[in-house]
Protein backbone atom coordinates (compact mmCIF):
# COMPACT_ATOMS: atom_id res chain seq x y z
CA MET A 1 -108.58 210.58 62.18
CA THR A 2 -105.36 212.51 63.12
CA ASP A 3 -103.09 214.08 60.67
CA GLU A 4 -100.36 211.59 61.70
CA ALA A 5 -102.40 208.77 60.26
CA MET A 6 -100.67 206.84 57.55
CA THR A 7 -102.04 207.01 54.04
CA VAL A 8 -101.92 203.61 52.11
CA ARG A 9 -102.85 203.25 48.50
CA ILE A 10 -104.23 199.74 47.72
CA TRP A 11 -104.94 197.91 44.44
CA THR A 12 -106.92 194.68 44.69
CA ASP A 13 -107.99 191.97 42.18
CA GLY A 14 -109.57 188.58 42.12
CA ALA A 15 -109.39 186.00 39.49
CA CYS A 16 -111.02 182.52 38.75
CA LYS A 17 -110.37 179.81 36.23
CA GLY A 18 -113.87 178.64 35.81
CA ASN A 19 -116.55 180.11 38.01
CA PRO A 20 -116.72 178.18 40.28
CA GLY A 21 -113.11 176.82 40.05
CA PRO A 22 -109.63 177.48 41.24
CA GLY A 23 -109.29 181.25 42.17
CA GLY A 24 -106.77 183.72 43.36
CA TRP A 25 -106.55 187.14 44.82
CA GLY A 26 -103.80 189.76 44.52
CA VAL A 27 -102.99 192.98 46.49
CA VAL A 28 -100.57 195.81 46.01
CA LEU A 29 -100.10 198.20 49.00
CA GLU A 30 -98.08 201.42 48.77
CA SER A 31 -97.36 203.99 51.51
CA GLY A 32 -94.61 206.54 50.86
CA GLU A 33 -91.67 204.63 49.54
CA HIS A 34 -92.84 201.30 50.99
CA ARG A 35 -94.53 198.65 48.81
CA LYS A 36 -95.91 195.30 49.69
CA GLU A 37 -97.49 192.56 47.46
CA LEU A 38 -99.80 189.69 48.67
CA CYS A 39 -101.59 186.91 46.95
CA GLY A 40 -103.20 183.69 47.63
CA GLY A 41 -105.85 181.30 46.22
CA GLU A 42 -108.42 178.63 46.82
CA LEU A 43 -109.14 175.42 44.91
CA MET A 44 -112.82 175.76 44.53
CA THR A 45 -114.25 179.37 44.75
CA THR A 46 -115.84 182.11 42.70
CA ASN A 47 -114.49 185.25 41.15
CA ASN A 48 -116.67 187.42 43.46
CA ARG A 49 -115.22 185.65 46.55
CA MET A 50 -111.71 186.20 45.34
CA GLU A 51 -112.48 189.95 44.74
CA LEU A 52 -113.76 190.17 48.32
CA MET A 53 -110.75 188.18 49.67
CA ALA A 54 -108.38 190.54 47.97
CA VAL A 55 -109.88 193.55 49.90
CA ILE A 56 -110.14 191.58 53.19
CA MET A 57 -106.45 190.48 53.00
CA ALA A 58 -105.28 193.99 52.13
CA LEU A 59 -107.16 195.46 55.16
CA GLN A 60 -106.02 192.58 57.50
CA SER A 61 -102.43 193.30 56.59
CA LEU A 62 -102.61 196.93 57.99
CA ARG A 63 -101.23 197.13 61.51
CA ARG A 64 -102.97 200.34 62.56
CA ARG A 65 -105.76 202.64 61.62
CA CYS A 66 -104.97 204.21 58.26
CA ARG A 67 -106.33 206.51 55.58
CA VAL A 68 -106.88 204.12 52.63
CA GLU A 69 -107.34 204.82 48.99
CA LEU A 70 -108.56 201.48 47.72
CA HIS A 71 -108.66 200.75 43.99
CA ALA A 72 -110.64 197.90 42.66
CA ASP A 73 -111.96 196.86 39.18
CA SER A 74 -114.85 195.05 40.81
CA GLN A 75 -118.19 196.82 40.76
CA TYR A 76 -119.45 194.00 43.01
CA VAL A 77 -117.05 194.99 45.64
CA LEU A 78 -117.41 198.78 45.17
CA LYS A 79 -121.18 198.89 45.01
CA GLY A 80 -121.41 196.47 47.86
CA MET A 81 -119.49 198.68 50.09
CA THR A 82 -120.76 202.05 48.92
CA GLU A 83 -124.43 201.29 47.95
CA TRP A 84 -125.74 197.98 49.12
CA MET A 85 -124.12 197.34 52.59
CA ALA A 86 -126.44 199.70 54.57
CA GLY A 87 -129.58 198.07 53.14
CA TRP A 88 -128.36 194.59 53.72
CA LYS A 89 -127.54 195.34 57.36
CA LYS A 90 -130.87 197.06 57.88
CA ARG A 91 -132.68 193.98 56.41
CA GLY A 92 -130.70 191.49 58.48
CA TRP A 93 -128.24 190.59 55.68
CA LYS A 94 -131.03 190.20 53.22
CA SER A 95 -131.10 191.51 49.61
CA SER A 96 -133.77 193.93 48.34
CA SER A 97 -135.65 190.75 47.11
CA ASN A 98 -135.46 189.33 50.69
CA ALA A 99 -132.95 186.59 49.67
CA PRO A 100 -129.97 185.94 51.80
CA VAL A 101 -126.95 188.09 50.71
CA LYS A 102 -124.41 185.88 48.77
CA ASN A 103 -121.03 185.58 50.36
CA VAL A 104 -122.38 187.04 53.55
CA ASP A 105 -119.46 185.64 55.53
CA LEU A 106 -116.99 187.69 53.53
CA TRP A 107 -119.18 190.86 53.48
CA GLN A 108 -119.42 190.76 57.28
CA GLN A 109 -115.68 190.37 57.65
CA LEU A 110 -115.16 193.22 55.22
CA ASP A 111 -117.57 195.35 57.08
CA THR A 112 -115.75 194.94 60.27
CA LEU A 113 -112.36 195.52 58.62
CA ALA A 114 -113.53 198.55 56.66
CA GLY A 115 -114.82 200.13 59.93
CA GLN A 116 -111.25 200.21 61.34
CA HIS A 117 -109.99 202.54 58.59
CA ASP A 118 -110.92 205.69 56.68
CA ILE A 119 -111.42 204.31 53.18
CA THR A 120 -111.99 206.09 49.87
CA TRP A 121 -113.26 203.46 47.40
CA ARG A 122 -112.18 204.04 43.79
CA TRP A 123 -113.08 202.09 40.71
CA VAL A 124 -110.46 201.49 38.13
CA LYS A 125 -111.21 199.92 34.75
CA GLY A 126 -109.56 196.43 34.61
CA HIS A 127 -106.94 195.48 31.99
CA ALA A 128 -106.67 199.05 30.92
CA GLY A 129 -102.96 199.61 31.60
CA GLU A 130 -103.17 200.98 35.15
CA PRO A 131 -99.96 199.77 36.77
CA GLY A 132 -101.35 198.99 40.18
CA ASN A 133 -104.40 197.15 38.86
CA GLU A 134 -102.30 195.22 36.31
CA ARG A 135 -99.91 194.01 39.06
CA ALA A 136 -102.80 193.04 41.38
CA ASP A 137 -104.17 191.01 38.38
CA GLN A 138 -100.80 189.31 37.95
CA LEU A 139 -100.67 188.38 41.61
CA ALA A 140 -104.17 187.13 41.53
CA ASN A 141 -103.21 184.76 38.75
CA GLN A 142 -100.11 183.83 40.55
CA GLY A 143 -102.24 182.88 43.56
CA ILE A 144 -104.03 180.38 41.35
CA ASP A 145 -100.79 179.02 39.89
CA GLU A 146 -99.20 178.46 43.29
CA LEU A 147 -102.28 176.64 44.83
CA SER A 148 -101.20 173.61 46.76
CA ALA A 149 -103.20 170.45 46.08
CA THR A 150 -102.63 169.24 49.67
CA THR A 151 -103.92 172.35 51.61
CA GLY A 152 -106.23 174.07 49.04
CA ARG A 153 -104.64 177.39 49.89
CA MET A 154 -101.14 178.81 49.25
CA PRO A 155 -100.35 182.29 50.10
CA CYS A 156 -97.63 183.78 47.83
CA GLN A 157 -96.39 186.56 50.12
């Protein structure tokens, strides 16, 4: 990665009203003085899927290779990316108990996107007053609130 590579700080969060149930994801991206917020939702999903979707949508929004400092309050996402992914891939997307990896469609998409950037994964405690995480949580809940009954998805960008 060159010194000219842009550094982007990202906060992500997912939320679900019922699990499964209506869910939303929220993203805050900052680079220099630029800030962008994204959110969306799905009518029938799980909290883990929304946590993954938040990271996927954040990385999809980057237009070129970046240094990324990604903050998430989801141990599922962080451990998946930093501890479990290599084993899943080695075992053909099977868990250590030889069961199919849950949410494999999203994990594979995230694996591809993560390979396009230089990412530092950071855990942040949820609901602990960290401004980026608090805003991502608000956006995830906004994603649920703005769901469209006709399409099942409604981005609130």
